[in-house]
Protein backbone atom coordinates (compact mmCIF):
# COMPACT_ATOMS: atom_id res chain seq x y z
CA MET A 1 -14.45 -3.36 -21.35
CA LEU A 2 -16.26 -1.77 -18.84
CA ARG A 3 -14.84 0.96 -17.34
CA TRP A 4 -14.44 1.19 -13.49
CA PRO A 5 -16.65 4.11 -11.75
CA ASN A 6 -14.85 7.67 -10.70
CA VAL A 7 -14.47 6.71 -6.90
CA PRO A 8 -12.93 9.05 -4.58
CA ALA A 9 -9.77 8.06 -2.83
CA CYS A 10 -9.90 7.38 0.61
CA TYR A 11 -8.00 8.96 3.47
CA GLY A 12 -7.31 8.47 7.01
CA TRP A 13 -9.29 5.15 7.15
CA LEU A 14 -6.49 2.35 7.12
CA ALA A 15 -3.05 2.69 9.00
CA LEU A 16 -0.32 0.36 9.41
CA ASP A 17 1.08 0.36 13.03
CA ARG A 18 4.82 -0.52 13.90
CA ARG A 19 4.21 -4.02 14.42
CA GLY A 20 2.80 -4.35 10.94
CA ARG A 21 -0.64 -4.82 11.89
CA TRP A 22 -3.42 -3.22 9.98
CA ARG A 23 -6.05 -0.55 11.47
CA LEU A 24 -8.92 0.19 10.22
CA ARG A 25 -10.15 3.76 11.89
CA GLY A 26 -7.92 2.68 14.55
CA GLU A 27 -8.99 -0.52 15.39
CA ALA A 28 -6.51 -3.51 14.99
CA LEU A 29 -8.03 -5.88 12.25
CA SER A 30 -8.26 -9.86 13.42
CA HIS A 31 -10.42 -11.05 10.70
CA ALA A 32 -8.10 -13.37 8.59
CA GLY A 33 -9.65 -13.20 5.34
CA LEU A 34 -9.89 -9.19 5.32
CA ILE A 35 -5.95 -9.21 5.98
CA ASP A 36 -5.17 -11.26 3.44
CA PHE A 37 -6.70 -8.83 1.11
CA LEU A 38 -5.37 -5.72 2.17
CA ASN A 39 -1.70 -7.69 2.35
CA ARG A 40 -2.40 -8.93 -1.29
CA GLN A 41 -3.48 -5.51 -2.35
CA TYR A 42 -1.10 -3.42 -0.80
CA ALA A 43 1.14 -1.01 -3.26
CA HIS A 44 2.22 2.36 -3.81
CA ASP A 45 2.31 5.14 -6.26
CA ALA A 46 5.34 7.31 -7.71
CA ASP A 47 5.06 10.20 -5.34
CA GLY A 48 5.71 7.45 -2.25
CA ASN A 49 2.32 7.13 -1.35
CA TYR A 50 1.10 3.84 0.12
CA PHE A 51 -2.72 2.10 -0.39
CA VAL A 52 -4.37 -0.62 -0.80
CA GLN A 53 -6.24 -1.11 -4.48
CA ASN A 54 -9.97 -1.75 -3.59
CA GLY A 55 -11.64 -2.39 -6.53
CA PRO A 56 -11.74 1.22 -8.06
CA GLN A 57 -10.76 2.91 -4.86
CA ARG A 58 -7.03 3.47 -3.55
CA VAL A 59 -7.37 3.10 -0.13
CA PHE A 60 -4.69 5.13 1.11
CA VAL A 61 -2.36 3.99 4.52
CA GLU A 62 -1.21 6.11 7.46
CA LEU A 63 2.18 4.33 8.35
CA GLU A 64 3.21 4.54 11.70
CA TYR A 65 6.41 4.55 10.95
CA THR A 66 7.55 2.77 7.80
CA PRO A 67 5.73 1.11 5.13
CA TRP A 68 7.40 -2.26 5.67
CA VAL A 69 7.66 -4.17 9.42
CA LEU A 70 9.97 -6.96 9.46
CA ARG A 71 9.88 -10.01 11.79
CA LEU A 72 11.90 -13.00 12.74
CA ALA A 73 10.60 -16.10 11.41
CA ALA A 74 13.14 -18.53 12.37
CA PRO A 75 16.44 -17.12 14.23
CA ASP A 76 18.26 -16.43 10.38
CA ARG A 77 15.42 -15.70 8.49
CA LEU A 78 13.31 -11.93 7.90
CA GLU A 79 10.03 -11.57 6.65
CA THR A 80 7.80 -8.29 6.19
CA GLN A 81 4.62 -7.89 7.64
CA LEU A 82 3.01 -9.35 4.06
CA GLY A 83 4.78 -12.89 5.36
CA GLU A 84 7.13 -12.06 2.62
CA GLU A 85 11.03 -13.46 2.92
CA VAL A 86 13.49 -10.90 2.78
CA GLY A 87 16.78 -11.87 1.24
CA GLU A 88 19.46 -9.33 1.04
CA ILE A 89 19.58 -6.40 3.88
CA ARG A 90 21.25 -3.52 1.98
CA ALA A 91 21.97 -1.62 4.78
CA ALA A 92 21.07 -0.78 8.33
CA ALA A 93 20.50 2.37 10.49
CA ILE A 94 19.20 2.83 14.21
CA ASP A 95 17.32 6.04 14.97
CA GLU A 96 17.30 8.22 18.27
CA GLU A 97 14.56 5.71 20.05
CA GLY A 98 16.86 2.57 19.64
CA ASN A 99 14.61 1.42 16.39
CA LEU A 100 16.36 -0.52 14.15
CA LEU A 101 15.79 -0.08 10.19
CA LEU A 102 17.04 -2.17 7.57
CA GLU A 103 16.94 -1.29 3.89
CA THR A 104 15.89 -4.40 1.71
CA ALA A 105 14.69 -4.67 -1.91
CA ALA A 106 10.98 -3.60 -1.09
CA GLY A 107 12.27 -0.16 0.65
CA ILE A 108 12.90 0.58 4.06
CA ALA A 109 11.58 -1.55 7.32
CA LEU A 110 10.93 -1.46 10.59
CA LEU A 111 12.47 -4.35 12.67
CA CYS A 112 9.06 -5.37 14.83
CA ASP A 113 10.25 -4.25 18.62
CA ARG A 114 9.47 -7.73 19.71
CA ASP A 115 12.15 -9.00 17.80
CA LEU A 116 14.73 -6.25 18.40
CA PRO A 117 16.11 -8.10 21.37
CA ALA A 118 16.89 -11.31 19.39
CA LEU A 119 18.87 -9.46 17.11
CA LEU A 120 21.21 -7.18 19.47
CA ASP A 121 23.80 -10.13 19.32
CA CYS A 122 24.41 -8.83 15.45
CA LEU A 123 25.41 -5.72 16.74
CA GLN A 124 29.28 -5.54 16.87
CA LEU A 125 31.89 -3.59 17.81
CA ALA A 126 34.53 -3.17 15.17
CA ASP A 127 36.67 -6.06 16.25
CA GLY A 128 33.54 -8.10 15.63
CA ARG A 129 32.66 -8.76 19.76
CA PRO A 130 29.21 -7.78 20.58
CA ALA A 131 28.27 -4.44 21.14
CA ASP A 132 27.40 -3.87 25.00
CA ASP A 133 24.84 -1.65 26.40
CA ASP A 134 26.80 1.34 26.90
CA ALA A 135 28.14 1.03 22.85
CA LEU A 136 24.79 0.74 21.54
CA LEU A 137 23.38 4.11 23.79
CA ALA A 138 26.67 5.53 22.39
CA ALA A 139 25.73 5.05 18.90
CA ILE A 140 21.99 5.88 19.46
CA ALA A 141 23.68 9.10 20.50
CA GLN A 142 26.15 9.73 17.56
CA PRO A 143 23.99 11.49 14.93
CA GLY A 144 25.47 10.50 11.34
CA GLY A 145 27.44 7.17 11.73
CA SER A 146 28.55 4.89 14.43
CA ALA A 147 31.15 2.24 15.22
CA LEU A 148 28.87 -0.49 15.24
CA THR A 149 28.10 -3.11 12.54
CA LEU A 150 25.29 -5.23 11.96
CA ALA A 151 26.52 -9.07 11.28
CA TRP A 152 23.76 -10.79 9.35
CA GLN A 153 23.90 -13.81 7.13
CA GLY A 154 27.37 -13.31 6.67
CA ALA A 155 27.44 -9.60 5.53
CA ARG A 156 28.52 -6.62 7.82
CA LEU A 157 26.78 -3.89 7.46
CA PRO A 158 28.04 -0.31 8.49
CA LEU A 159 25.19 1.20 11.20
CA GLN A 160 24.02 4.55 10.33
CA THR A 161 22.21 6.60 12.91
CA LEU A 162 19.77 9.08 12.33
CA LEU A 163 16.61 11.00 13.52
CA ARG A 164 12.97 9.04 13.30
CA ALA A 165 11.87 12.61 11.97
CA GLN A 166 14.05 12.33 8.93
CA VAL A 167 13.31 8.49 7.40
CA ALA A 168 10.33 9.55 5.52
CA GLN A 169 12.39 12.14 3.71
CA ARG A 170 15.24 10.37 3.42
CA TYR A 171 13.73 6.92 1.98
CA GLY A 172 10.86 8.43 -0.27
CA PHE A 173 7.89 7.38 1.45
CA VAL A 174 4.71 9.34 2.62
CA SER A 175 3.78 8.40 6.30
CA SER A 176 0.33 10.08 5.82
CA PRO A 177 -0.71 10.60 2.41
CA GLN A 178 -3.25 13.80 1.99
CA GLU A 179 -5.96 14.62 -0.30
CA THR A 180 -4.70 16.80 -3.14
CA PRO A 181 -7.35 19.64 -3.92
CA ALA A 182 -8.84 19.08 -7.15
CA ALA A 183 -8.08 21.70 -10.12
CA SER A 184 -11.21 24.03 -10.20
CA PRO A 185 -13.19 24.37 -13.23
CA GLY A 186 -11.47 26.71 -16.09
CA SER A 187 -7.97 26.16 -14.27
CA ALA A 188 -4.82 24.81 -15.92
CA PRO A 189 -3.93 21.44 -14.92
């Protein structure tokens, strides 16, 4: 069996923006073949670092917000930035900026801001009526929880509130992977 060469990991080149677009050194990618490759090779390690496996090299991904971004593929169907359909939504939260976060089997995901207006009708008061702007603003301002629920595909999920700065730690991912210094010769691992 052939052994791959020892290739250093790559940091700071590849990013995933809050709309689920790949960015290479800050520039949005548009080449369909390259985007398809990145989507197929997207993975994470046990420490919550997301990366793209490029042959023997791991190219770590800077996450503008979450490792997953959801889009409305149809009025009643969500999909990830990779084009994979989302089945069950396990939990819902909103941050102090009004971003809607949905927990899926893959992990925590940000709903693309372009699709947020379409899902606002799914945010409901305790009595089942759609939440108005005042109720939504009150929920955003109330840390820890809210009186709102997200009604989606027959489920009613309590809408938690949280601070954006706490999302990565709470859901166990690394927004900005960093190279760890290699052990110096003769030091213990």
